[in-house]
Amino acid sequence: MADIIKKIIEGSLTLDEAYDEFDRVLESDHGGKVPELLGLTKIEYTANCHSVGLDELAEWRKNGWPNKCAICGKKIVIENWGWFAREINDGESHELVHIDCMD
């Protein structure tokens, strides 16, 4: 399957279908290539490992990733790593924080 997030954005794959495909790949002998098999960037896959859901990743890809640390307010350069996605209020959404700013 190519680019699971793109298919969610386009509406050619429901969120349930996307999670079914995600689970199928994780349960397969994927040879450590989960991001590539699902069309996720390493950054998207890392955020997913921090509990960011596929729906939220689709929203971030479409509308832009959060780019300010929720703790210090300084810019986060996603491509430079050094960040963590943490759950906020409802547990359904996330904010990014610098790893150095975390307690």
N, C-alpha and C. Protein backbone atom coordinates (compact mmCIF):
# COMPACT_ATOMS: atom_id res chain seq x y z
N MET A 1 0.85 -1.19 0.00
CA MET A 1 0.00 0.00 0.00
C MET A 1 0.89 1.23 0.00
N ALA A 2 0.53 2.18 -0.77
CA ALA A 2 1.32 3.41 -0.84
C ALA A 2 0.58 4.57 -0.18
N ASP A 3 1.26 5.30 0.63
CA ASP A 3 0.83 6.54 1.25
C ASP A 3 -0.56 6.48 1.89
N ILE A 4 -0.61 5.83 3.00
CA ILE A 4 -1.85 5.67 3.76
C ILE A 4 -2.44 7.02 4.19
N ILE A 5 -1.59 7.98 4.54
CA ILE A 5 -2.07 9.30 4.97
C ILE A 5 -2.71 10.04 3.79
N LYS A 6 -2.09 9.96 2.63
CA LYS A 6 -2.65 10.60 1.44
C LYS A 6 -4.04 10.04 1.13
N LYS A 7 -4.18 8.73 1.27
CA LYS A 7 -5.47 8.09 0.99
C LYS A 7 -6.54 8.53 1.99
N ILE A 8 -6.15 8.76 3.24
CA ILE A 8 -7.09 9.28 4.23
C ILE A 8 -7.52 10.68 3.83
N ILE A 9 -6.56 11.52 3.47
CA ILE A 9 -6.86 12.91 3.08
C ILE A 9 -7.78 12.94 1.87
N GLU A 10 -7.50 12.09 0.88
CA GLU A 10 -8.30 12.06 -0.35
C GLU A 10 -9.68 11.44 -0.13
N GLY A 11 -9.82 10.68 0.95
CA GLY A 11 -11.09 10.00 1.21
C GLY A 11 -11.21 8.66 0.51
N SER A 12 -10.12 8.18 -0.08
CA SER A 12 -10.17 6.89 -0.76
C SER A 12 -9.96 5.73 0.21
N LEU A 13 -9.70 6.06 1.48
CA LEU A 13 -9.51 5.06 2.52
C LEU A 13 -10.13 5.63 3.79
N THR A 14 -11.02 4.85 4.43
CA THR A 14 -11.58 5.31 5.69
C THR A 14 -10.54 5.15 6.78
N LEU A 15 -10.77 5.80 7.90
CA LEU A 15 -9.84 5.68 9.01
C LEU A 15 -9.79 4.23 9.51
N ASP A 16 -10.93 3.56 9.56
CA ASP A 16 -10.94 2.15 9.97
C ASP A 16 -10.14 1.29 9.00
N GLU A 17 -10.31 1.51 7.71
CA GLU A 17 -9.55 0.76 6.70
C GLU A 17 -8.06 1.05 6.84
N ALA A 18 -7.72 2.30 7.13
CA ALA A 18 -6.31 2.68 7.29
C ALA A 18 -5.70 1.94 8.49
N TYR A 19 -6.44 1.89 9.60
CA TYR A 19 -5.93 1.17 10.77
C TYR A 19 -5.84 -0.33 10.51
N ASP A 20 -6.78 -0.87 9.75
CA ASP A 20 -6.69 -2.29 9.38
C ASP A 20 -5.43 -2.56 8.58
N GLU A 21 -5.13 -1.69 7.62
CA GLU A 21 -3.91 -1.84 6.81
C GLU A 21 -2.66 -1.67 7.68
N PHE A 22 -2.70 -0.69 8.57
CA PHE A 22 -1.59 -0.44 9.48
C PHE A 22 -1.32 -1.69 10.31
N ASP A 23 -2.37 -2.25 10.88
CA ASP A 23 -2.23 -3.46 11.70
C ASP A 23 -1.72 -4.63 10.87
N ARG A 24 -2.22 -4.77 9.65
CA ARG A 24 -1.78 -5.86 8.78
C ARG A 24 -0.28 -5.78 8.53
N VAL A 25 0.21 -4.57 8.26
CA VAL A 25 1.64 -4.39 8.02
C VAL A 25 2.44 -4.68 9.28
N LEU A 26 1.98 -4.18 10.43
CA LEU A 26 2.70 -4.42 11.68
C LEU A 26 2.77 -5.90 12.02
N GLU A 27 1.73 -6.64 11.69
CA GLU A 27 1.68 -8.07 12.00
C GLU A 27 2.43 -8.92 10.98
N SER A 28 2.82 -8.33 9.87
CA SER A 28 3.51 -9.08 8.81
C SER A 28 5.00 -9.14 9.08
N ASP A 29 5.67 -9.91 8.26
CA ASP A 29 7.13 -9.94 8.30
C ASP A 29 7.61 -8.76 7.45
N HIS A 30 7.59 -7.59 8.04
CA HIS A 30 7.84 -6.34 7.31
C HIS A 30 9.30 -5.97 7.19
N GLY A 31 10.16 -6.71 7.82
CA GLY A 31 11.59 -6.45 7.71
C GLY A 31 12.00 -5.07 8.18
N GLY A 32 11.26 -4.51 9.14
CA GLY A 32 11.60 -3.19 9.67
C GLY A 32 11.27 -2.04 8.74
N LYS A 33 10.42 -2.28 7.76
CA LYS A 33 10.10 -1.25 6.76
C LYS A 33 8.67 -0.75 6.88
N VAL A 34 8.15 -0.66 8.11
CA VAL A 34 6.77 -0.22 8.31
C VAL A 34 6.52 1.16 7.69
N PRO A 35 7.35 2.17 7.97
CA PRO A 35 7.06 3.48 7.38
C PRO A 35 6.99 3.43 5.85
N GLU A 36 7.94 2.76 5.24
CA GLU A 36 7.98 2.70 3.78
C GLU A 36 6.77 1.97 3.22
N LEU A 37 6.37 0.87 3.86
CA LEU A 37 5.24 0.08 3.37
C LEU A 37 3.92 0.84 3.48
N LEU A 38 3.83 1.76 4.43
CA LEU A 38 2.60 2.54 4.62
C LEU A 38 2.67 3.93 3.99
N GLY A 39 3.82 4.27 3.43
CA GLY A 39 3.97 5.59 2.83
C GLY A 39 4.11 6.70 3.85
N LEU A 40 4.55 6.35 5.05
CA LEU A 40 4.77 7.35 6.09
C LEU A 40 6.21 7.82 6.06
N THR A 41 6.42 9.09 6.34
CA THR A 41 7.78 9.57 6.52
C THR A 41 8.28 9.05 7.87
N LYS A 42 9.56 9.09 8.08
CA LYS A 42 10.10 8.68 9.39
C LYS A 42 9.60 9.60 10.49
N ILE A 43 9.38 10.86 10.16
CA ILE A 43 8.85 11.82 11.12
C ILE A 43 7.41 11.46 11.49
N GLU A 44 6.59 11.13 10.49
CA GLU A 44 5.20 10.74 10.75
C GLU A 44 5.15 9.45 11.57
N TYR A 45 6.01 8.51 11.23
CA TYR A 45 6.03 7.24 11.95
C TYR A 45 6.47 7.46 13.40
N THR A 46 7.44 8.34 13.62
CA THR A 46 7.87 8.66 14.98
C THR A 46 6.73 9.28 15.77
N ALA A 47 6.01 10.22 15.17
CA ALA A 47 4.87 10.83 15.86
C ALA A 47 3.82 9.78 16.18
N ASN A 48 3.60 8.85 15.25
CA ASN A 48 2.65 7.77 15.51
C ASN A 48 3.11 6.92 16.69
N CYS A 49 4.40 6.70 16.80
CA CYS A 49 4.94 5.96 17.94
C CYS A 49 4.77 6.73 19.25
N HIS A 50 4.55 8.04 19.13
CA HIS A 50 4.27 8.88 20.30
C HIS A 50 2.76 8.97 20.53
N SER A 51 1.99 8.10 19.89
CA SER A 51 0.53 7.99 20.03
C SER A 51 -0.28 8.98 19.20
N VAL A 52 0.34 9.66 18.25
CA VAL A 52 -0.42 10.52 17.34
C VAL A 52 -1.15 9.61 16.35
N GLY A 53 -2.46 9.75 16.29
CA GLY A 53 -3.28 8.90 15.43
C GLY A 53 -3.14 9.25 13.95
N LEU A 54 -3.56 8.32 13.11
CA LEU A 54 -3.49 8.53 11.67
C LEU A 54 -4.35 9.71 11.23
N ASP A 55 -5.49 9.91 11.87
CA ASP A 55 -6.34 11.05 11.52
C ASP A 55 -5.65 12.38 11.83
N GLU A 56 -4.97 12.44 12.97
CA GLU A 56 -4.25 13.67 13.32
C GLU A 56 -3.04 13.87 12.41
N LEU A 57 -2.35 12.78 12.07
CA LEU A 57 -1.24 12.90 11.13
C LEU A 57 -1.72 13.42 9.77
N ALA A 58 -2.89 12.94 9.34
CA ALA A 58 -3.46 13.42 8.07
C ALA A 58 -3.75 14.91 8.16
N GLU A 59 -4.29 15.34 9.29
CA GLU A 59 -4.57 16.77 9.48
C GLU A 59 -3.28 17.58 9.46
N TRP A 60 -2.24 17.10 10.14
CA TRP A 60 -0.96 17.81 10.17
C TRP A 60 -0.34 17.87 8.79
N ARG A 61 -0.40 16.75 8.05
CA ARG A 61 0.19 16.77 6.71
C ARG A 61 -0.55 17.76 5.82
N LYS A 62 -1.84 17.80 5.93
CA LYS A 62 -2.65 18.66 5.08
C LYS A 62 -2.54 20.14 5.48
N ASN A 63 -2.55 20.41 6.77
CA ASN A 63 -2.63 21.80 7.25
C ASN A 63 -1.36 22.33 7.90
N GLY A 64 -0.35 21.50 8.02
CA GLY A 64 0.90 21.92 8.64
C GLY A 64 1.06 21.39 10.05
N TRP A 65 2.27 21.00 10.35
CA TRP A 65 2.58 20.46 11.67
C TRP A 65 2.66 21.59 12.69
N PRO A 66 2.38 21.28 13.96
CA PRO A 66 2.65 22.27 15.01
C PRO A 66 4.13 22.62 14.95
N ASN A 67 4.46 23.87 15.12
CA ASN A 67 5.87 24.24 14.98
C ASN A 67 6.40 25.07 16.13
N LYS A 68 5.65 25.10 17.24
CA LYS A 68 6.12 25.80 18.44
C LYS A 68 6.01 24.88 19.62
N CYS A 69 7.01 24.93 20.46
CA CYS A 69 7.01 24.13 21.68
C CYS A 69 5.89 24.61 22.59
N ALA A 70 5.10 23.68 23.07
CA ALA A 70 3.99 24.02 23.95
C ALA A 70 4.47 24.45 25.34
N ILE A 71 5.73 24.23 25.64
CA ILE A 71 6.26 24.62 26.95
C ILE A 71 6.96 25.97 26.88
N CYS A 72 7.95 26.10 25.99
CA CYS A 72 8.75 27.34 25.94
C CYS A 72 8.28 28.32 24.87
N GLY A 73 7.50 27.84 23.92
CA GLY A 73 7.00 28.71 22.85
C GLY A 73 7.97 28.95 21.71
N LYS A 74 9.17 28.40 21.81
CA LYS A 74 10.15 28.57 20.74
C LYS A 74 9.86 27.61 19.59
N LYS A 75 10.41 27.96 18.45
CA LYS A 75 10.18 27.18 17.23
C LYS A 75 10.72 25.76 17.36
N ILE A 76 9.96 24.82 16.82
CA ILE A 76 10.41 23.44 16.69
C ILE A 76 10.61 23.19 15.20
N VAL A 77 11.80 22.78 14.84
CA VAL A 77 12.09 22.40 13.47
C VAL A 77 11.92 20.89 13.42
N ILE A 78 10.81 20.47 12.87
CA ILE A 78 10.43 19.06 12.88
C ILE A 78 11.56 18.17 12.34
N GLU A 79 12.16 18.58 11.25
CA GLU A 79 13.18 17.78 10.58
C GLU A 79 14.45 17.62 11.41
N ASN A 80 14.63 18.46 12.43
CA ASN A 80 15.83 18.40 13.26
C ASN A 80 15.64 17.51 14.49
N TRP A 81 14.49 16.86 14.59
CA TRP A 81 14.16 15.99 15.71
C TRP A 81 14.21 16.78 17.01
N GLY A 82 14.51 16.17 18.10
CA GLY A 82 14.58 16.88 19.38
C GLY A 82 13.22 17.28 19.93
N TRP A 83 12.16 16.64 19.49
CA TRP A 83 10.80 16.95 19.94
C TRP A 83 10.08 15.68 20.37
N PHE A 84 9.00 15.88 21.09
CA PHE A 84 8.15 14.78 21.52
C PHE A 84 6.71 15.23 21.35
N ALA A 85 5.85 14.35 20.88
CA ALA A 85 4.41 14.65 20.77
C ALA A 85 3.75 14.15 22.05
N ARG A 86 3.08 15.05 22.76
CA ARG A 86 2.41 14.61 23.98
C ARG A 86 0.92 14.92 23.89
N GLU A 87 0.16 14.06 24.54
CA GLU A 87 -1.30 14.20 24.54
C GLU A 87 -1.70 15.46 25.29
N ILE A 88 -2.77 16.07 24.83
CA ILE A 88 -3.33 17.21 25.54
C ILE A 88 -4.78 16.91 25.91
N ASN A 89 -5.32 17.75 26.71
CA ASN A 89 -6.64 17.68 27.33
C ASN A 89 -7.45 16.42 27.07
N ASP A 90 -7.93 16.25 25.88
CA ASP A 90 -8.88 15.17 25.60
C ASP A 90 -8.22 13.84 25.29
N GLY A 91 -6.91 13.81 25.20
CA GLY A 91 -6.21 12.58 24.87
C GLY A 91 -6.32 12.20 23.41
N GLU A 92 -7.07 12.96 22.65
CA GLU A 92 -7.26 12.68 21.22
C GLU A 92 -6.37 13.56 20.34
N SER A 93 -5.79 14.58 20.93
CA SER A 93 -4.92 15.45 20.14
C SER A 93 -3.58 15.61 20.87
N HIS A 94 -2.64 16.17 20.14
CA HIS A 94 -1.27 16.25 20.64
C HIS A 94 -0.67 17.62 20.39
N GLU A 95 0.33 17.93 21.16
CA GLU A 95 1.14 19.11 20.95
C GLU A 95 2.59 18.67 20.94
N LEU A 96 3.43 19.47 20.37
CA LEU A 96 4.85 19.14 20.32
C LEU A 96 5.60 19.94 21.37
N VAL A 97 6.57 19.29 21.98
CA VAL A 97 7.44 19.96 22.95
C VAL A 97 8.88 19.56 22.66
N HIS A 98 9.79 20.47 22.97
CA HIS A 98 11.20 20.11 22.87
C HIS A 98 11.50 19.06 23.94
N ILE A 99 12.31 18.12 23.60
CA ILE A 99 12.71 17.10 24.58
C ILE A 99 13.40 17.77 25.76
N ASP A 100 14.20 18.81 25.49
CA ASP A 100 14.92 19.52 26.55
C ASP A 100 13.99 20.28 27.48
N CYS A 101 12.77 20.56 27.04
CA CYS A 101 11.83 21.32 27.88
C CYS A 101 10.98 20.41 28.78
N MET A 102 11.02 19.13 28.52
CA MET A 102 10.21 18.20 29.30
C MET A 102 10.79 18.02 30.70
N ASP A 103 9.93 17.78 31.66
CA ASP A 103 10.36 17.56 33.06
C ASP A 103 11.17 16.31 33.19
